[in-house]
Amino acid sequence: MNIPADLKYTKDHEWIRVQGTTATIGITDFAQSELGDIVYIDISTVGKDVAEHEVFGTVEAVKTVSDLYMPVAGKVLEVNSILDGSPEKVNADPYGDGWMVKVQLKNPADVNGLLTADQYKELIGK
């Protein structure tokens, strides 16, 4: 199970990588493995302010549909266009080509309240 130490995590299995006042967000390796084969990503929040814990999209797998929750408040700047034609990238590379959105953080310090890699490992029992 890949859980990079340089990222922050949520109890809802999203990860966030902060670079200044912007952040990249996706779902964890654990989440994609639990969902199974991902067949569709629906994110229609580009240009919108999304509150912390608010749904910013959905991910559809063969077995289920799951909501995507915003780890911290911010404005969605970009959706990963690669996922339109290749949603399976989330399964193959959840922390790289399978990222979901880029956001402008409302308050970058909010990230400090998220889980560290070690805390996330404890949450999922790894």
C-alpha atoms as a PDB file:
ATOM      1  CA  MET A   1       0.000   0.000   0.000  1.00  0.00           C
ATOM      2  CA  ASN A   2       1.530   3.289  -1.126  1.00  0.00           C
ATOM      3  CA  ILE A   3       1.061   6.154   1.382  1.00  0.00           C
ATOM      4  CA  PRO A   4       3.529   8.966   0.550  1.00  0.00           C
ATOM      5  CA  ALA A   5       4.899  10.735   3.636  1.00  0.00           C
ATOM      6  CA  ASP A   6       4.893  14.185   1.970  1.00  0.00           C
ATOM      7  CA  LEU A   7       1.085  14.325   1.604  1.00  0.00           C
ATOM      8  CA  LYS A   8      -1.774  15.013   4.020  1.00  0.00           C
ATOM      9  CA  TYR A   9      -4.846  12.772   4.199  1.00  0.00           C
ATOM     10  CA  THR A  10      -8.518  12.812   5.205  1.00  0.00           C
ATOM     11  CA  LYS A  11     -10.641  10.237   6.986  1.00  0.00           C
ATOM     12  CA  ASP A  12     -12.648  10.094   3.743  1.00  0.00           C
ATOM     13  CA  HIS A  13      -9.530   8.822   1.885  1.00  0.00           C
ATOM     14  CA  GLU A  14      -8.568  11.921  -0.085  1.00  0.00           C
ATOM     15  CA  TRP A  15      -4.975  13.145  -0.258  1.00  0.00           C
ATOM     16  CA  ILE A  16      -3.697  16.691  -0.708  1.00  0.00           C
ATOM     17  CA  ARG A  17      -0.337  18.020  -1.911  1.00  0.00           C
ATOM     18  CA  VAL A  18       0.185  21.718  -1.118  1.00  0.00           C
ATOM     19  CA  GLN A  19       2.401  24.008  -3.190  1.00  0.00           C
ATOM     20  CA  GLY A  20       2.175  27.547  -1.843  1.00  0.00           C
ATOM     21  CA  THR A  21      -1.486  28.582  -1.898  1.00  0.00           C
ATOM     22  CA  THR A  22      -2.572  25.935  -4.390  1.00  0.00           C
ATOM     23  CA  ALA A  23      -3.099  22.239  -3.835  1.00  0.00           C
ATOM     24  CA  THR A  24      -3.585  19.067  -5.824  1.00  0.00           C
ATOM     25  CA  ILE A  25      -6.187  16.615  -4.518  1.00  0.00           C
ATOM     26  CA  GLY A  26      -6.986  12.990  -5.315  1.00  0.00           C
ATOM     27  CA  ILE A  27      -8.037   9.739  -3.686  1.00  0.00           C
ATOM     28  CA  THR A  28      -5.640   7.443  -1.889  1.00  0.00           C
ATOM     29  CA  ASP A  29      -4.205   4.148  -3.038  1.00  0.00           C
ATOM     30  CA  PHE A  30      -6.337   2.502  -0.338  1.00  0.00           C
ATOM     31  CA  ALA A  31      -9.505   4.181  -1.655  1.00  0.00           C
ATOM     32  CA  GLN A  32      -8.926   3.171  -5.268  1.00  0.00           C
ATOM     33  CA  SER A  33      -8.201  -0.420  -4.240  1.00  0.00           C
ATOM     34  CA  GLU A  34     -11.400  -0.568  -2.176  1.00  0.00           C
ATOM     35  CA  LEU A  35     -13.470   0.887  -5.035  1.00  0.00           C
ATOM     36  CA  GLY A  36     -12.094  -1.478  -7.654  1.00  0.00           C
ATOM     37  CA  ASP A  37     -11.985  -0.646 -11.360  1.00  0.00           C
ATOM     38  CA  ILE A  38     -12.813   3.043 -11.783  1.00  0.00           C
ATOM     39  CA  VAL A  39     -14.896   3.719 -14.892  1.00  0.00           C
ATOM     40  CA  TYR A  40     -15.981   7.373 -14.609  1.00  0.00           C
ATOM     41  CA  ILE A  41     -15.086  10.580 -12.767  1.00  0.00           C
ATOM     42  CA  ASP A  42     -17.695  13.360 -12.498  1.00  0.00           C
ATOM     43  CA  ILE A  43     -16.403  16.717 -11.288  1.00  0.00           C
ATOM     44  CA  SER A  44     -18.382  19.820 -12.249  1.00  0.00           C
ATOM     45  CA  THR A  45     -17.093  22.293  -9.662  1.00  0.00           C
ATOM     46  CA  VAL A  46     -14.454  24.149 -11.725  1.00  0.00           C
ATOM     47  CA  GLY A  47     -14.507  27.837 -10.855  1.00  0.00           C
ATOM     48  CA  LYS A  48     -16.576  27.228  -7.727  1.00  0.00           C
ATOM     49  CA  ASP A  49     -15.718  27.759  -4.086  1.00  0.00           C
ATOM     50  CA  VAL A  50     -16.096  24.485  -2.217  1.00  0.00           C
ATOM     51  CA  ALA A  51     -16.255  24.340   1.575  1.00  0.00           C
ATOM     52  CA  GLU A  52     -14.268  21.886   3.668  1.00  0.00           C
ATOM     53  CA  HIS A  53     -15.996  18.450   3.730  1.00  0.00           C
ATOM     54  CA  GLU A  54     -18.332  19.494   0.880  1.00  0.00           C
ATOM     55  CA  VAL A  55     -18.743  17.129  -2.082  1.00  0.00           C
ATOM     56  CA  PHE A  56     -16.753  18.321  -5.111  1.00  0.00           C
ATOM     57  CA  GLY A  57     -17.485  15.371  -7.399  1.00  0.00           C
ATOM     58  CA  THR A  58     -18.029  11.637  -7.635  1.00  0.00           C
ATOM     59  CA  VAL A  59     -16.013   8.626  -8.687  1.00  0.00           C
ATOM     60  CA  GLU A  60     -17.811   5.684 -10.277  1.00  0.00           C
ATOM     61  CA  ALA A  61     -16.411   2.189 -10.096  1.00  0.00           C
ATOM     62  CA  VAL A  62     -17.828  -1.060 -11.448  1.00  0.00           C
ATOM     63  CA  LYS A  63     -19.295  -1.833  -8.003  1.00  0.00           C
ATOM     64  CA  THR A  64     -20.304   1.567  -6.616  1.00  0.00           C
ATOM     65  CA  VAL A  65     -20.378   5.365  -6.832  1.00  0.00           C
ATOM     66  CA  SER A  66     -18.566   7.344  -4.155  1.00  0.00           C
ATOM     67  CA  ASP A  67     -18.583  11.052  -3.311  1.00  0.00           C
ATOM     68  CA  LEU A  68     -15.359  13.071  -3.323  1.00  0.00           C
ATOM     69  CA  TYR A  69     -14.998  15.414  -0.329  1.00  0.00           C
ATOM     70  CA  MET A  70     -12.954  18.605  -0.254  1.00  0.00           C
ATOM     71  CA  PRO A  71     -10.210  18.266   2.404  1.00  0.00           C
ATOM     72  CA  VAL A  72     -10.014  22.045   2.976  1.00  0.00           C
ATOM     73  CA  ALA A  73     -11.963  25.045   1.696  1.00  0.00           C
ATOM     74  CA  GLY A  74     -10.893  26.372  -1.672  1.00  0.00           C
ATOM     75  CA  LYS A  75     -11.758  27.322  -5.238  1.00  0.00           C
ATOM     76  CA  VAL A  76     -11.507  24.555  -7.829  1.00  0.00           C
ATOM     77  CA  LEU A  77      -9.114  25.800 -10.515  1.00  0.00           C
ATOM     78  CA  GLU A  78      -8.702  22.737 -12.698  1.00  0.00           C
ATOM     79  CA  VAL A  79      -9.914  19.172 -13.194  1.00  0.00           C
ATOM     80  CA  ASN A  80      -7.509  16.534 -14.470  1.00  0.00           C
ATOM     81  CA  SER A  81      -8.601  16.278 -18.117  1.00  0.00           C
ATOM     82  CA  ILE A  82      -6.727  12.974 -18.565  1.00  0.00           C
ATOM     83  CA  LEU A  83      -9.415  11.313 -16.446  1.00  0.00           C
ATOM     84  CA  ASP A  84     -12.156  12.116 -19.000  1.00  0.00           C
ATOM     85  CA  GLY A  85     -10.861   9.475 -21.377  1.00  0.00           C
ATOM     86  CA  SER A  86      -8.817   7.390 -18.935  1.00  0.00           C
ATOM     87  CA  PRO A  87     -10.444   7.186 -15.484  1.00  0.00           C
ATOM     88  CA  GLU A  88      -8.423   4.014 -14.852  1.00  0.00           C
ATOM     89  CA  LYS A  89      -5.390   6.298 -14.278  1.00  0.00           C
ATOM     90  CA  VAL A  90      -6.735   6.680 -10.730  1.00  0.00           C
ATOM     91  CA  ASN A  91      -6.272   2.934 -10.215  1.00  0.00           C
ATOM     92  CA  ALA A  92      -2.839   2.835 -11.850  1.00  0.00           C
ATOM     93  CA  ASP A  93      -1.317   6.021 -10.375  1.00  0.00           C
ATOM     94  CA  PRO A  94      -3.526   7.673  -7.714  1.00  0.00           C
ATOM     95  CA  TYR A  95      -0.783  10.078  -6.548  1.00  0.00           C
ATOM     96  CA  GLY A  96       0.523  10.963 -10.019  1.00  0.00           C
ATOM     97  CA  ASP A  97      -1.473  10.939 -13.276  1.00  0.00           C
ATOM     98  CA  GLY A  98      -4.632  10.025 -11.347  1.00  0.00           C
ATOM     99  CA  TRP A  99      -4.981  13.317  -9.423  1.00  0.00           C
ATOM    100  CA  MET A 100      -8.497  14.794  -9.442  1.00  0.00           C
ATOM    101  CA  VAL A 101      -8.457  18.592  -8.981  1.00  0.00           C
ATOM    102  CA  LYS A 102      -6.227  21.580  -8.346  1.00  0.00           C
ATOM    103  CA  VAL A 103      -7.569  24.193  -5.930  1.00  0.00           C
ATOM    104  CA  GLN A 104      -6.732  27.670  -4.685  1.00  0.00           C
ATOM    105  CA  LEU A 105      -6.679  27.290  -0.908  1.00  0.00           C
ATOM    106  CA  LYS A 106      -8.859  29.661   1.106  1.00  0.00           C
ATOM    107  CA  ASN A 107      -6.583  29.252   4.153  1.00  0.00           C
ATOM    108  CA  PRO A 108      -3.393  27.188   3.593  1.00  0.00           C
ATOM    109  CA  ALA A 109      -3.026  26.657   7.360  1.00  0.00           C
ATOM    110  CA  ASP A 110      -6.182  24.470   7.301  1.00  0.00           C
ATOM    111  CA  VAL A 111      -4.019  21.668   5.901  1.00  0.00           C
ATOM    112  CA  ASN A 112      -2.352  21.364   9.312  1.00  0.00           C
ATOM    113  CA  GLY A 113      -5.563  19.819  10.676  1.00  0.00           C
ATOM    114  CA  LEU A 114      -5.410  16.862   8.265  1.00  0.00           C
ATOM    115  CA  LEU A 115      -3.884  13.443   8.902  1.00  0.00           C
ATOM    116  CA  THR A 116      -0.190  12.716   8.436  1.00  0.00           C
ATOM    117  CA  ALA A 117       0.855   9.596   6.529  1.00  0.00           C
ATOM    118  CA  ASP A 118       1.408   7.741   9.831  1.00  0.00           C
ATOM    119  CA  GLN A 119      -2.001   8.769  11.159  1.00  0.00           C
ATOM    120  CA  TYR A 120      -3.637   7.681   7.892  1.00  0.00           C
ATOM    121  CA  LYS A 121      -1.857   4.300   8.050  1.00  0.00           C
ATOM    122  CA  GLU A 122      -3.249   3.842  11.548  1.00  0.00           C
ATOM    123  CA  LEU A 123      -6.757   4.770  10.321  1.00  0.00           C
ATOM    124  CA  ILE A 124      -6.739   2.103   7.612  1.00  0.00           C
ATOM    125  CA  GLY A 125      -4.932  -0.455   9.745  1.00  0.00           C
ATOM    126  CA  LYS A 126      -1.680  -0.611   7.736  1.00  0.00           C
END
